[in-house]
PDB file of all heavy atoms in Angstrom:
ATOM      1  N   PHE A   1    -151.064  67.898 -91.502  1.00  0.00           N
ATOM      2  CA  PHE A   1    -151.250  68.673 -90.266  1.00  0.00           C
ATOM      3  C   PHE A   1    -150.682  70.062 -90.441  1.00  0.00           C
ATOM      4  O   PHE A   1    -149.498  70.231 -90.673  1.00  0.00           O
ATOM      5  CB  PHE A   1    -150.641  67.954 -89.059  1.00  0.00           C
ATOM      6  CG  PHE A   1    -151.002  68.565 -87.761  1.00  0.00           C
ATOM      7  CD1 PHE A   1    -152.274  68.430 -87.263  1.00  0.00           C
ATOM      8  CD2 PHE A   1    -150.101  69.355 -87.046  1.00  0.00           C
ATOM      9  CE1 PHE A   1    -152.661  69.020 -86.077  1.00  0.00           C
ATOM     10  CE2 PHE A   1    -150.475  69.963 -85.843  1.00  0.00           C
ATOM     11  CZ  PHE A   1    -151.758  69.767 -85.354  1.00  0.00           C
ATOM     12  N   GLU A   2    -151.574  71.056 -90.439  1.00  0.00           N
ATOM     13  CA  GLU A   2    -151.162  72.513 -90.513  1.00  0.00           C
ATOM     14  C   GLU A   2    -150.247  72.821 -91.674  1.00  0.00           C
ATOM     15  O   GLU A   2    -149.381  73.643 -91.549  1.00  0.00           O
ATOM     16  CB  GLU A   2    -150.594  72.958 -89.150  1.00  0.00           C
ATOM     17  CG  GLU A   2    -151.701  72.831 -88.048  1.00  0.00           C
ATOM     18  CD  GLU A   2    -151.176  73.263 -86.643  1.00  0.00           C
ATOM     19  OE1 GLU A   2    -150.007  73.604 -86.509  1.00  0.00           O
ATOM     20  OE2 GLU A   2    -152.004  73.174 -85.716  1.00  0.00           O
ATOM     21  N   ASP A   3    -150.456  72.096 -92.803  1.00  0.00           N
ATOM     22  CA  ASP A   3    -149.661  72.279 -93.989  1.00  0.00           C
ATOM     23  C   ASP A   3    -150.519  71.910 -95.171  1.00  0.00           C
ATOM     24  O   ASP A   3    -150.974  70.769 -95.354  1.00  0.00           O
ATOM     25  CB  ASP A   3    -148.448  71.339 -93.965  1.00  0.00           C
ATOM     26  CG  ASP A   3    -147.533  71.368 -95.202  1.00  0.00           C
ATOM     27  OD1 ASP A   3    -147.970  71.903 -96.221  1.00  0.00           O
ATOM     28  OD2 ASP A   3    -146.436  70.730 -95.146  1.00  0.00           O
ATOM     29  N   ASN A   4    -150.854  72.934 -96.055  1.00  0.00           N
ATOM     30  CA  ASN A   4    -151.769  72.656 -97.113  1.00  0.00           C
ATOM     31  C   ASN A   4    -151.091  72.554 -98.533  1.00  0.00           C
ATOM     32  O   ASN A   4    -151.814  72.614 -99.529  1.00  0.00           O
ATOM     33  CB  ASN A   4    -152.971  73.640 -97.146  1.00  0.00           C
ATOM     34  CG  ASN A   4    -152.525  75.013 -97.604  1.00  0.00           C
ATOM     35  OD1 ASN A   4    -151.411  75.323 -97.826  1.00  0.00           O
ATOM     36  ND2 ASN A   4    -153.585  75.866 -97.836  1.00  0.00           N
ATOM     37  N   GLY A   5    -149.808  72.349 -98.569  1.00  0.00           N
ATOM     38  CA  GLY A   5    -149.137  72.218 -99.781  1.00  0.00           C
ATOM     39  C   GLY A   5    -149.695  71.104-100.684  1.00  0.00           C
ATOM     40  O   GLY A   5    -149.898  71.293-101.878  1.00  0.00           O
ATOM     41  N   LEU A   6    -150.006  69.991-100.104  1.00  0.00           N
ATOM     42  CA  LEU A   6    -150.596  68.849-100.821  1.00  0.00           C
ATOM     43  C   LEU A   6    -152.032  69.123-101.249  1.00  0.00           C
ATOM     44  O   LEU A   6    -152.482  68.573-102.219  1.00  0.00           O
ATOM     45  CB  LEU A   6    -150.578  67.579 -99.995  1.00  0.00           C
ATOM     46  CG  LEU A   6    -149.251  66.776 -99.823  1.00  0.00           C
ATOM     47  CD1 LEU A   6    -149.556  65.549 -99.043  1.00  0.00           C
ATOM     48  CD2 LEU A   6    -148.791  66.402-101.194  1.00  0.00           C
ATOM     49  N   VAL A   7    -152.740  70.038-100.581  1.00  0.00           N
ATOM     50  CA  VAL A   7    -154.117  70.326-100.916  1.00  0.00           C
ATOM     51  C   VAL A   7    -154.080  71.023-102.342  1.00  0.00           C
ATOM     52  O   VAL A   7    -154.802  70.630-103.214  1.00  0.00           O
ATOM     53  CB  VAL A   7    -154.762  71.270 -99.880  1.00  0.00           C
ATOM     54  CG1 VAL A   7    -156.169  71.633-100.351  1.00  0.00           C
ATOM     55  CG2 VAL A   7    -154.789  70.576 -98.499  1.00  0.00           C
ATOM     56  N   ARG A   8    -153.209  72.009-102.478  1.00  0.00           N
ATOM     57  CA  ARG A   8    -153.111  72.681-103.759  1.00  0.00           C
ATOM     58  C   ARG A   8    -152.745  71.738-104.831  1.00  0.00           C
ATOM     59  O   ARG A   8    -153.317  71.681-105.969  1.00  0.00           O
ATOM     60  CB  ARG A   8    -152.110  73.853-103.673  1.00  0.00           C
ATOM     61  CG  ARG A   8    -151.886  74.504-105.082  1.00  0.00           C
ATOM     62  CD  ARG A   8    -151.042  75.732-105.036  1.00  0.00           C
ATOM     63  NE  ARG A   8    -151.680  76.815-104.337  1.00  0.00           N
ATOM     64  CZ  ARG A   8    -152.620  77.598-104.841  1.00  0.00           C
ATOM     65  NH1 ARG A   8    -153.022  77.417-106.120  1.00  0.00           N
ATOM     66  NH2 ARG A   8    -153.176  78.538-104.131  1.00  0.00           N
ATOM     67  N   LYS A   9    -151.691  70.916-104.618  1.00  0.00           N
ATOM     68  CA  LYS A   9    -151.212  69.943-105.620  1.00  0.00           C
ATOM     69  C   LYS A   9    -152.342  68.993-106.045  1.00  0.00           C
ATOM     70  O   LYS A   9    -152.520  68.748-107.240  1.00  0.00           O
ATOM     71  CB  LYS A   9    -150.081  69.154-105.014  1.00  0.00           C
ATOM     72  CG  LYS A   9    -149.475  68.140-105.928  1.00  0.00           C
ATOM     73  CD  LYS A   9    -148.276  67.448-105.337  1.00  0.00           C
ATOM     74  CE  LYS A   9    -147.741  66.377-106.275  1.00  0.00           C
ATOM     75  NZ  LYS A   9    -147.208  65.207-105.643  1.00  0.00           N
ATOM     76  N   THR A  10    -153.190  68.568-105.071  1.00  0.00           N
ATOM     77  CA  THR A  10    -154.274  67.648-105.421  1.00  0.00           C
ATOM     78  C   THR A  10    -155.364  68.317-106.197  1.00  0.00           C
ATOM     79  O   THR A  10    -155.875  67.858-107.150  1.00  0.00           O
ATOM     80  CB  THR A  10    -154.869  67.065-104.067  1.00  0.00           C
ATOM     81  OG1 THR A  10    -153.755  66.352-103.376  1.00  0.00           O
ATOM     82  CG2 THR A  10    -155.971  66.096-104.401  1.00  0.00           C
ATOM     83  N   LEU A  11    -155.747  69.540-105.752  1.00  0.00           N
ATOM     84  CA  LEU A  11    -156.852  70.248-106.401  1.00  0.00           C
ATOM     85  C   LEU A  11    -156.484  70.816-107.792  1.00  0.00           C
ATOM     86  O   LEU A  11    -157.372  71.120-108.582  1.00  0.00           O
ATOM     87  CB  LEU A  11    -157.375  71.400-105.506  1.00  0.00           C
ATOM     88  CG  LEU A  11    -158.025  70.962-104.217  1.00  0.00           C
ATOM     89  CD1 LEU A  11    -158.351  72.166-103.379  1.00  0.00           C
ATOM     90  CD2 LEU A  11    -159.193  70.093-104.463  1.00  0.00           C
ATOM     91  N   GLU A  12    -155.201  70.863-108.086  1.00  0.00           N
ATOM     92  CA  GLU A  12    -154.729  71.258-109.410  1.00  0.00           C
ATOM     93  C   GLU A  12    -155.026  70.158-110.450  1.00  0.00           C
ATOM     94  O   GLU A  12    -155.075  70.375-111.648  1.00  0.00           O
ATOM     95  CB  GLU A  12    -153.244  71.586-109.422  1.00  0.00           C
ATOM     96  CG  GLU A  12    -152.908  72.920-108.831  1.00  0.00           C
ATOM     97  CD  GLU A  12    -151.417  73.179-108.631  1.00  0.00           C
ATOM     98  OE1 GLU A  12    -150.649  72.187-108.709  1.00  0.00           O
ATOM     99  OE2 GLU A  12    -150.995  74.325-108.397  1.00  0.00           O
ATOM    100  N   GLY A  13    -155.201  68.887-109.917  1.00  0.00           N
ATOM    101  CA  GLY A  13    -155.545  67.800-110.822  1.00  0.00           C
ATOM    102  C   GLY A  13    -157.021  67.737-111.103  1.00  0.00           C
ATOM    103  O   GLY A  13    -157.833  68.387-110.461  1.00  0.00           O
ATOM    104  N   PRO A  14    -157.381  66.910-112.106  1.00  0.00           N
ATOM    105  CA  PRO A  14    -158.844  66.813-112.464  1.00  0.00           C
ATOM    106  C   PRO A  14    -159.619  66.132-111.332  1.00  0.00           C
ATOM    107  O   PRO A  14    -159.292  65.104-110.816  1.00  0.00           O
ATOM    108  CB  PRO A  14    -158.775  65.897-113.693  1.00  0.00           C
ATOM    109  CG  PRO A  14    -157.522  65.211-113.702  1.00  0.00           C
ATOM    110  CD  PRO A  14    -156.547  66.050-112.933  1.00  0.00           C
ATOM    111  N   GLY A  15    -160.713  66.844-110.949  1.00  0.00           N
ATOM    112  CA  GLY A  15    -161.535  66.332-109.846  1.00  0.00           C
ATOM    113  C   GLY A  15    -162.469  65.217-110.288  1.00  0.00           C
ATOM    114  O   GLY A  15    -162.783  64.336-109.504  1.00  0.00           O
ATOM    115  N   LYS A  16    -162.918  65.209-111.512  1.00  0.00           N
ATOM    116  CA  LYS A  16    -163.796  64.168-112.062  1.00  0.00           C
ATOM    117  C   LYS A  16    -165.023  63.924-111.159  1.00  0.00           C
ATOM    118  O   LYS A  16    -165.392  62.772-110.969  1.00  0.00           O
ATOM    119  CB  LYS A  16    -163.006  62.852-112.263  1.00  0.00           C
ATOM    120  CG  LYS A  16    -161.838  63.047-113.194  1.00  0.00           C
ATOM    121  CD  LYS A  16    -161.066  61.708-113.315  1.00  0.00           C
ATOM    122  CE  LYS A  16    -159.808  61.913-114.106  1.00  0.00           C
ATOM    123  NZ  LYS A  16    -158.837  60.799-113.922  1.00  0.00           N
ATOM    124  N   GLY A  17    -165.507  64.982-110.518  1.00  0.00           N
ATOM    125  CA  GLY A  17    -166.730  64.864-109.637  1.00  0.00           C
ATOM    126  C   GLY A  17    -166.468  64.253-108.285  1.00  0.00           C
ATOM    127  O   GLY A  17    -167.348  63.888-107.650  1.00  0.00           O
ATOM    128  N   ARG A  18    -165.151  64.116-107.989  1.00  0.00           N
ATOM    129  CA  ARG A  18    -164.853  63.476-106.680  1.00  0.00           C
ATOM    130  C   ARG A  18    -164.954  64.487-105.538  1.00  0.00           C
ATOM    131  O   ARG A  18    -165.046  65.696-105.712  1.00  0.00           O
ATOM    132  CB  ARG A  18    -163.380  62.962-106.668  1.00  0.00           C
ATOM    133  CG  ARG A  18    -163.231  61.728-107.552  1.00  0.00           C
ATOM    134  CD  ARG A  18    -161.789  61.274-107.648  1.00  0.00           C
ATOM    135  NE  ARG A  18    -160.924  62.336-108.245  1.00  0.00           N
ATOM    136  CZ  ARG A  18    -159.613  62.332-108.128  1.00  0.00           C
ATOM    137  NH1 ARG A  18    -159.005  61.404-107.464  1.00  0.00           N
ATOM    138  NH2 ARG A  18    -158.951  63.358-108.679  1.00  0.00           N
ATOM    139  N   VAL A  19    -164.899  63.987-104.305  1.00  0.00           N
ATOM    140  CA  VAL A  19    -164.864  64.798-103.060  1.00  0.00           C
ATOM    141  C   VAL A  19    -163.530  64.574-102.391  1.00  0.00           C
ATOM    142  O   VAL A  19    -163.110  63.421-102.195  1.00  0.00           O
ATOM    143  CB  VAL A  19    -166.009  64.300-102.094  1.00  0.00           C
ATOM    144  CG1 VAL A  19    -165.928  65.074-100.816  1.00  0.00           C
ATOM    145  CG2 VAL A  19    -167.360  64.556-102.783  1.00  0.00           C
ATOM    146  N   LEU A  20    -162.840  65.656-102.128  1.00  0.00           N
ATOM    147  CA  LEU A  20    -161.551  65.578-101.415  1.00  0.00           C
ATOM    148  C   LEU A  20    -161.800  65.639 -99.943  1.00  0.00           C
ATOM    149  O   LEU A  20    -162.330  66.560 -99.400  1.00  0.00           O
ATOM    150  CB  LEU A  20    -160.595  66.754-101.797  1.00  0.00           C
ATOM    151  CG  LEU A  20    -159.290  66.732-101.143  1.00  0.00           C
ATOM    152  CD1 LEU A  20    -158.485  65.448-101.431  1.00  0.00           C
ATOM    153  CD2 LEU A  20    -158.445  67.956-101.592  1.00  0.00           C
ATOM    154  N   VAL A  21    -161.404  64.547 -99.241  1.00  0.00           N
ATOM    155  CA  VAL A  21    -161.514  64.528 -97.787  1.00  0.00           C
ATOM    156  C   VAL A  21    -160.162  64.734 -97.172  1.00  0.00           C
ATOM    157  O   VAL A  21    -159.182  63.983 -97.449  1.00  0.00           O
ATOM    158  CB  VAL A  21    -162.058  63.086 -97.345  1.00  0.00           C
ATOM    159  CG1 VAL A  21    -162.070  62.988 -95.833  1.00  0.00           C
ATOM    160  CG2 VAL A  21    -163.495  62.847 -97.932  1.00  0.00           C
ATOM    161  N   ILE A  22    -160.014  65.862 -96.415  1.00  0.00           N
ATOM    162  CA  ILE A  22    -158.718  66.224 -95.858  1.00  0.00           C
ATOM    163  C   ILE A  22    -158.799  65.997 -94.365  1.00  0.00           C
ATOM    164  O   ILE A  22    -159.565  66.636 -93.642  1.00  0.00           O
ATOM    165  CB  ILE A  22    -158.462  67.760 -96.101  1.00  0.00           C
ATOM    166  CG1 ILE A  22    -158.509  68.016 -97.651  1.00  0.00           C
ATOM    167  CG2 ILE A  22    -157.156  68.181 -95.521  1.00  0.00           C
ATOM    168  CD1 ILE A  22    -158.562  69.550 -97.920  1.00  0.00           C
ATOM    169  N   ASP A  23    -157.960  65.109 -93.851  1.00  0.00           N
ATOM    170  CA  ASP A  23    -157.847  64.913 -92.418  1.00  0.00           C
ATOM    171  C   ASP A  23    -156.705  65.843 -91.962  1.00  0.00           C
ATOM    172  O   ASP A  23    -155.512  65.496 -92.094  1.00  0.00           O
ATOM    173  CB  ASP A  23    -157.521  63.427 -92.050  1.00  0.00           C
ATOM    174  CG  ASP A  23    -157.487  63.257 -90.599  1.00  0.00           C
ATOM    175  OD1 ASP A  23    -157.652  64.201 -89.797  1.00  0.00           O
ATOM    176  OD2 ASP A  23    -157.296  62.137 -90.126  1.00  0.00           O
ATOM    177  N   GLY A  24    -157.044  66.933 -91.409  1.00  0.00           N
ATOM    178  CA  GLY A  24    -156.087  67.886 -90.867  1.00  0.00           C
ATOM    179  C   GLY A  24    -155.883  67.742 -89.387  1.00  0.00           C
ATOM    180  O   GLY A  24    -155.381  68.681 -88.740  1.00  0.00           O
ATOM    181  N   GLY A  25    -156.229  66.577 -88.875  1.00  0.00           N
ATOM    182  CA  GLY A  25    -156.011  66.306 -87.495  1.00  0.00           C
ATOM    183  C   GLY A  25    -156.911  67.099 -86.547  1.00  0.00           C
ATOM    184  O   GLY A  25    -156.715  67.123 -85.370  1.00  0.00           O
ATOM    185  N   GLY A  26    -157.942  67.757 -87.075  1.00  0.00           N
ATOM    186  CA  GLY A  26    -158.795  68.595 -86.275  1.00  0.00           C
ATOM    187  C   GLY A  26    -158.237  69.855 -85.771  1.00  0.00           C
ATOM    188  O   GLY A  26    -158.807  70.482 -84.870  1.00  0.00           O
ATOM    189  N   SER A  27    -157.115  70.254 -86.365  1.00  0.00           N
ATOM    190  CA  SER A  27    -156.413  71.498 -85.887  1.00  0.00           C
ATOM    191  C   SER A  27    -157.343  72.698 -86.068  1.00  0.00           C
ATOM    192  O   SER A  27    -157.968  72.924 -87.153  1.00  0.00           O
ATOM    193  CB  SER A  27    -155.119  71.661 -86.633  1.00  0.00           C
ATOM    194  OG  SER A  27    -154.641  72.986 -86.318  1.00  0.00           O
ATOM    195  N   LEU A  28    -157.420  73.498 -85.043  1.00  0.00           N
ATOM    196  CA  LEU A  28    -158.151  74.796 -85.072  1.00  0.00           C
ATOM    197  C   LEU A  28    -157.203  75.976 -85.022  1.00  0.00           C
ATOM    198  O   LEU A  28    -157.533  77.065 -84.604  1.00  0.00           O
ATOM    199  CB  LEU A  28    -159.161  74.862 -83.923  1.00  0.00           C
ATOM    200  CG  LEU A  28    -160.177  73.741 -83.832  1.00  0.00           C
ATOM    201  CD1 LEU A  28    -161.067  73.890 -82.630  1.00  0.00           C
ATOM    202  CD2 LEU A  28    -161.031  73.673 -85.091  1.00  0.00           C
ATOM    203  N   ARG A  29    -155.892  75.745 -85.407  1.00  0.00           N
ATOM    204  CA  ARG A  29    -154.892  76.803 -85.321  1.00  0.00           C
ATOM    205  C   ARG A  29    -154.505  77.473 -86.655  1.00  0.00           C
ATOM    206  O   ARG A  29    -153.828  78.455 -86.651  1.00  0.00           O
ATOM    207  CB  ARG A  29    -153.595  76.190 -84.685  1.00  0.00           C
ATOM    208  CG  ARG A  29    -153.894  75.631 -83.289  1.00  0.00           C
ATOM    209  CD  ARG A  29    -152.610  75.233 -82.586  1.00  0.00           C
ATOM    210  NE  ARG A  29    -151.725  74.387 -83.343  1.00  0.00           N
ATOM    211  CZ  ARG A  29    -150.781  73.670 -82.820  1.00  0.00           C
ATOM    212  NH1 ARG A  29    -150.560  73.738 -81.502  1.00  0.00           N
ATOM    213  NH2 ARG A  29    -149.992  72.895 -83.530  1.00  0.00           N
ATOM    214  N   CYS A  30    -155.061  76.946 -87.748  1.00  0.00           N
ATOM    215  CA  CYS A  30    -154.830  77.644 -89.060  1.00  0.00           C
ATOM    216  C   CYS A  30    -155.848  77.062 -90.009  1.00  0.00           C
ATOM    217  O   CYS A  30    -156.544  76.077 -89.765  1.00  0.00           O
ATOM    218  CB  CYS A  30    -153.369  77.497 -89.519  1.00  0.00           C
ATOM    219  SG  CYS A  30    -152.874  75.757 -89.732  1.00  0.00           S
ATOM    220  N   ALA A  31    -155.933  77.635 -91.229  1.00  0.00           N
ATOM    221  CA  ALA A  31    -156.865  77.248 -92.230  1.00  0.00           C
ATOM    222  C   ALA A  31    -156.223  76.435 -93.337  1.00  0.00           C
ATOM    223  O   ALA A  31    -155.181  76.802 -93.858  1.00  0.00           O
ATOM    224  CB  ALA A  31    -157.584  78.444 -92.854  1.00  0.00           C
ATOM    225  N   LEU A  32    -156.806  75.255 -93.688  1.00  0.00           N
ATOM    226  CA  LEU A  32    -156.231  74.407 -94.686  1.00  0.00           C
ATOM    227  C   LEU A  32    -156.710  74.733 -96.107  1.00  0.00           C
ATOM    228  O   LEU A  32    -156.115  74.350 -97.073  1.00  0.00           O
ATOM    229  CB  LEU A  32    -156.550  72.944 -94.437  1.00  0.00           C
ATOM    230  CG  LEU A  32    -155.826  72.386 -93.177  1.00  0.00           C
ATOM    231  CD1 LEU A  32    -156.377  71.039 -92.753  1.00  0.00           C
ATOM    232  CD2 LEU A  32    -154.334  72.389 -93.351  1.00  0.00           C
ATOM    233  N   VAL A  33    -157.905  75.392 -96.183  1.00  0.00           N
ATOM    234  CA  VAL A  33    -158.473  75.732 -97.505  1.00  0.00           C
ATOM    235  C   VAL A  33    -158.956  77.209 -97.418  1.00  0.00           C
ATOM    236  O   VAL A  33    -159.605  77.604 -96.439  1.00  0.00           O
ATOM    237  CB  VAL A  33    -159.652  74.833 -97.842  1.00  0.00           C
ATOM    238  CG1 VAL A  33    -160.405  75.279 -99.149  1.00  0.00           C
ATOM    239  CG2 VAL A  33    -159.212  73.380 -97.966  1.00  0.00           C
ATOM    240  N   GLY A  34    -158.642  77.965 -98.494  1.00  0.00           N
ATOM    241  CA  GLY A  34    -159.131  79.297 -98.570  1.00  0.00           C
ATOM    242  C   GLY A  34    -159.841  79.531 -99.956  1.00  0.00           C
ATOM    243  O   GLY A  34    -160.062  78.552-100.659  1.00  0.00           O
TER     244      GLY A  34
END
């Protein structure tokens, strides 16, 4: 929730064609991905 530190950590790893599903709680107060 309103913290994308784990997003960077995850995307730094090999994706292997996967899809990252991020449940940000539906927050419209900041951006989780840039």
